Protein backbone atom coordinates (compact mmCIF):
# COMPACT_ATOMS: atom_id res chain seq x y z
CA MET A 1 -77.12 147.51 121.31
CA THR A 2 -74.82 147.29 118.29
CA SER A 3 -75.10 150.21 115.89
CA ALA A 4 -75.55 149.97 112.13
CA ALA A 5 -72.02 151.25 111.59
CA ALA A 6 -70.63 148.33 113.60
CA LEU A 7 -71.84 145.79 111.03
CA PRO A 8 -70.72 146.95 107.57
CA GLY A 9 -70.71 144.97 104.36
CA MET A 10 -69.82 141.31 104.60
CA ASN A 11 -70.03 141.29 108.39
CA ARG A 12 -73.70 142.25 108.21
CA ALA A 13 -74.36 139.72 105.43
CA ARG A 14 -72.81 136.90 107.45
CA ALA A 15 -74.60 137.94 110.64
CA PHE A 16 -77.93 138.06 108.81
CA ALA A 17 -77.39 134.65 107.21
CA THR A 18 -76.65 133.17 110.64
CA LEU A 19 -79.73 134.82 112.12
CA VAL A 20 -81.95 133.45 109.34
CA ASP A 21 -80.53 129.94 109.86
CA ASP A 22 -81.18 130.16 113.60
CA VAL A 23 -84.76 131.36 113.07
CA GLN A 24 -85.52 128.66 110.50
CA SER A 25 -84.41 125.97 112.96
CA CYS A 26 -86.18 127.51 115.99
CA GLN A 27 -88.45 125.10 117.92
CA LEU A 28 -89.15 127.23 121.00
CA CYS A 29 -92.95 127.55 120.61
CA PRO A 30 -94.97 124.30 120.51
CA ARG A 31 -97.97 126.02 118.89
CA MET A 32 -95.81 127.10 115.94
CA ALA A 33 -94.72 123.60 114.89
CA GLY A 34 -94.92 123.29 111.13
CA ARG A 35 -95.49 127.01 110.54
CA ALA A 36 -93.39 129.22 108.29
CA ARG A 37 -90.61 131.13 110.05
CA VAL A 38 -90.97 134.48 108.30
CA LEU A 39 -87.44 135.83 108.22
CA SER A 40 -85.33 135.90 105.07
CA HIS A 41 -84.07 138.35 102.46
CA ALA A 42 -87.74 138.74 101.49
CA ASN A 43 -88.16 140.83 104.67
CA GLY A 44 -86.10 143.62 103.15
CA SER A 45 -82.57 144.92 103.02
CA PRO A 46 -80.24 144.35 106.00
CA GLY A 47 -78.90 147.83 106.56
CA ALA A 48 -82.22 149.52 105.74
CA ARG A 49 -82.71 152.91 107.35
CA VAL A 50 -86.29 152.12 108.44
CA LEU A 51 -87.43 148.92 110.17
CA PHE A 52 -91.10 148.10 110.73
CA VAL A 53 -92.19 145.71 113.48
CA ALA A 54 -95.70 144.27 113.17
CA GLU A 55 -97.45 141.69 115.37
CA ALA A 56 -97.19 138.29 113.66
CA PRO A 57 -97.52 136.72 110.19
CA GLY A 58 -101.12 136.36 109.01
CA ARG A 59 -102.65 133.02 108.02
CA LEU A 60 -103.66 134.29 104.56
CA GLY A 61 -100.66 136.58 104.22
CA ALA A 62 -97.09 135.89 105.30
CA GLU A 63 -97.81 132.31 106.40
CA ARG A 64 -98.55 131.68 102.72
CA THR A 65 -96.22 134.14 100.95
CA HIS A 66 -93.31 134.06 103.47
CA VAL A 67 -93.17 137.86 103.07
CA PRO A 68 -94.28 140.03 106.01
CA LEU A 69 -97.41 142.12 105.47
CA GLN A 70 -98.05 140.76 102.02
CA GLY A 71 -100.79 138.70 100.41
CA ASP A 72 -103.81 139.64 102.52
CA GLN A 73 -105.91 142.74 103.20
CA THR A 74 -103.59 143.85 106.01
CA GLY A 75 -100.68 143.76 103.59
CA ARG A 76 -102.60 145.74 100.99
CA ASN A 77 -103.48 148.36 103.62
CA PHE A 78 -99.82 148.58 104.60
CA GLU A 79 -98.74 149.11 101.01
CA VAL A 80 -101.25 151.96 100.67
CA LEU A 81 -99.73 153.58 103.75
CA LEU A 82 -96.17 153.13 102.46
CA ALA A 83 -97.05 154.53 99.05
CA SER A 84 -98.71 157.57 100.63
CA ILE A 85 -95.28 158.82 101.74
CA GLY A 86 -93.29 157.54 98.77
CA LEU A 87 -91.73 154.56 100.54
CA GLU A 88 -91.30 151.18 98.88
CA ARG A 89 -90.64 147.82 100.52
CA ALA A 90 -87.11 147.94 99.10
CA ASP A 91 -86.48 151.03 101.26
CA THR A 92 -87.33 149.18 104.46
CA PHE A 93 -86.93 146.03 106.52
CA ILE A 94 -90.15 144.47 107.85
CA THR A 95 -90.39 141.96 110.68
CA ASN A 96 -92.79 140.85 113.44
CA ALA A 97 -92.80 140.57 117.21
CA VAL A 98 -93.47 136.86 116.62
CA LEU A 99 -92.06 135.30 113.45
CA CYS A 100 -94.61 132.49 113.04
CA ASN A 101 -98.38 132.61 112.52
CA PRO A 102 -100.29 131.94 115.77
CA GLN A 103 -103.59 130.15 115.19
CA ASP A 104 -106.39 129.05 117.48
CA SER A 105 -107.83 125.53 117.60
CA ALA A 106 -110.09 126.33 114.64
CA GLY A 107 -107.16 127.45 112.47
CA ARG A 108 -107.95 131.16 112.68
CA ASN A 109 -105.45 133.94 113.31
CA SER A 110 -104.86 134.37 117.03
CA PRO A 111 -102.94 137.01 119.00
CA PRO A 112 -99.52 135.77 120.05
CA ALA A 113 -99.28 134.70 123.68
CA ARG A 114 -97.07 136.69 126.03
CA ASP A 115 -94.63 133.79 126.36
CA GLU A 116 -94.41 133.47 122.56
CA VAL A 117 -93.45 137.15 122.30
CA GLN A 118 -90.90 136.59 125.05
CA ARG A 119 -89.35 133.59 123.30
CA CYS A 120 -89.10 135.46 120.01
CA ALA A 121 -87.48 138.46 121.69
CA GLN A 122 -84.01 137.05 121.07
CA HIS A 123 -84.69 137.05 117.33
CA LEU A 124 -86.09 140.59 117.42
CA GLY A 125 -83.10 141.88 119.36
CA ARG A 126 -80.64 140.27 116.95
CA THR A 127 -82.59 141.58 113.95
CA LEU A 128 -82.29 145.13 115.27
CA GLU A 129 -78.57 144.64 115.82
CA VAL A 130 -77.92 143.20 112.37
CA VAL A 131 -80.13 145.54 110.35
CA GLY A 132 -79.10 148.56 112.43
CA PRO A 133 -81.97 150.88 111.45
CA GLU A 134 -82.01 154.56 112.31
CA VAL A 135 -85.80 154.49 112.64
CA VAL A 136 -87.96 151.74 114.17
CA VAL A 137 -91.70 151.90 113.44
CA THR A 138 -93.96 149.66 115.51
CA LEU A 139 -97.34 148.67 114.08
CA GLY A 140 -99.78 148.07 116.92
CA ARG A 141 -99.72 147.51 120.67
CA VAL A 142 -98.13 144.05 120.60
CA ALA A 143 -95.24 145.29 118.48
CA LEU A 144 -94.66 148.33 120.70
CA GLU A 145 -94.72 146.23 123.86
CA SER A 146 -92.39 143.64 122.30
CA LEU A 147 -89.63 146.25 122.19
CA ARG A 148 -89.63 146.20 125.99
CA THR A 149 -88.10 142.72 125.77
CA VAL A 150 -85.13 144.32 124.01
CA GLU A 151 -84.84 147.55 126.02
CA GLU A 152 -87.39 148.93 128.47
CA HIS A 153 -89.57 151.90 127.60
CA ALA A 154 -92.77 153.49 128.92
CA PHE A 155 -94.38 154.47 125.61
CA THR A 156 -98.00 153.64 124.85
CA LEU A 157 -99.84 153.55 121.56
CA ALA A 158 -102.58 155.91 122.70
CA ALA A 159 -100.20 158.59 123.97
CA ASP A 160 -97.32 158.27 121.51
CA VAL A 161 -98.81 157.33 118.13
CA GLY A 162 -97.04 159.14 115.31
CA GLN A 163 -94.57 160.76 117.71
CA CYS A 164 -90.79 160.74 117.39
CA ARG A 165 -89.23 159.13 120.48
CA GLN A 166 -85.71 158.11 121.50
CA TRP A 167 -85.31 154.41 122.27
CA ALA A 168 -82.18 152.24 122.45
CA GLY A 169 -80.12 154.80 120.54
CA ARG A 170 -82.64 154.93 117.71
CA VAL A 171 -85.71 156.86 116.62
CA LEU A 172 -88.93 155.05 117.57
CA VAL A 173 -92.28 155.93 115.99
CA PRO A 174 -95.30 153.99 117.34
CA MET A 175 -98.12 153.46 114.83
CA TYR A 176 -101.39 151.55 114.75
CA HIS A 177 -101.52 148.18 113.01
CA PRO A 178 -102.96 148.30 109.46
CA GLY A 179 -105.22 145.27 110.08
CA ALA A 180 -109.01 145.37 110.21
CA ARG A 181 -109.27 145.21 114.02
CA ALA A 182 -107.03 148.22 114.55
CA ARG A 183 -108.80 150.25 111.88
CA VAL A 184 -111.93 150.21 114.04
CA HIS A 185 -109.98 152.39 116.50
CA ARG A 186 -107.78 154.16 113.94
CA PRO A 187 -109.51 154.46 110.53
CA LEU A 188 -107.45 154.61 107.36
CA PRO A 189 -107.67 158.45 106.99
CA GLN A 190 -106.12 158.83 110.45
CA GLN A 191 -103.46 156.23 109.70
CA LEU A 192 -102.61 158.12 106.52
CA GLN A 193 -102.12 161.25 108.65
CA ASP A 194 -99.91 159.27 111.02
CA PHE A 195 -97.74 158.23 108.09
CA GLN A 196 -97.39 161.85 107.04
CA ALA A 197 -95.94 162.44 110.50
CA LEU A 198 -93.56 159.52 109.88
CA ALA A 199 -92.43 161.16 106.63
CA SER A 200 -91.43 164.21 108.65
CA VAL A 201 -89.68 162.07 111.27
CA LEU A 202 -87.46 160.49 108.61
CA ASP A 203 -85.76 163.89 108.26
CA VAL A 204 -85.27 164.36 112.01
CA LEU A 205 -82.04 163.39 113.73
CA PRO A 206 -82.39 160.86 116.61
CA GLY A 207 -81.06 163.37 119.13
CA ARG A 208 -84.00 165.70 118.47
CA CYS A 209 -86.68 163.16 119.42
CA SER A 210 -88.33 163.14 122.84
CA LYS A 211 -87.27 160.63 125.49
CA SER A 212 -90.69 160.61 127.12
């Protein structure tokens, strides 16, 4: 995978503009016809040190605002977690395993299908190459498993949450999703503790993280 240093300055800007154009014209998933493709400069800074991968845009959040993890309760929870360790959106790049909002037949948020994650993998892989983060933070099981479409790993959320791992030449830190469903299993106080662990990881070199 291309490193951050391999895409400096204008090269990164051009690569990101091309990626955004390709995503905006993507028609790979029939269920996503007419939905927002949530990838633009509103996702954050190409070249950011930290990249977050969540599951998918929410119907009341990014589908409406075109900004990942913003505009709904999940986004507000995420901002509380960021603020708890002194991070701001401008310090990060935020994306999703699937870049469009999956909905069921009643128009409610729905988990992305396995084939939708697979189709979007090309966009995720290119995003990682263009942004070139030192640290990748996955939010939830779907996001963690989506990284396997880029480069295989054996990490699980239950075993590796909040831990510093080596993956694809980067630091990987699996976290729980800040949405309501995940908070049943990982309440906000525990997620705040997880983010304190992330704050420590940001000062750890990739070579010092565990491979397993």
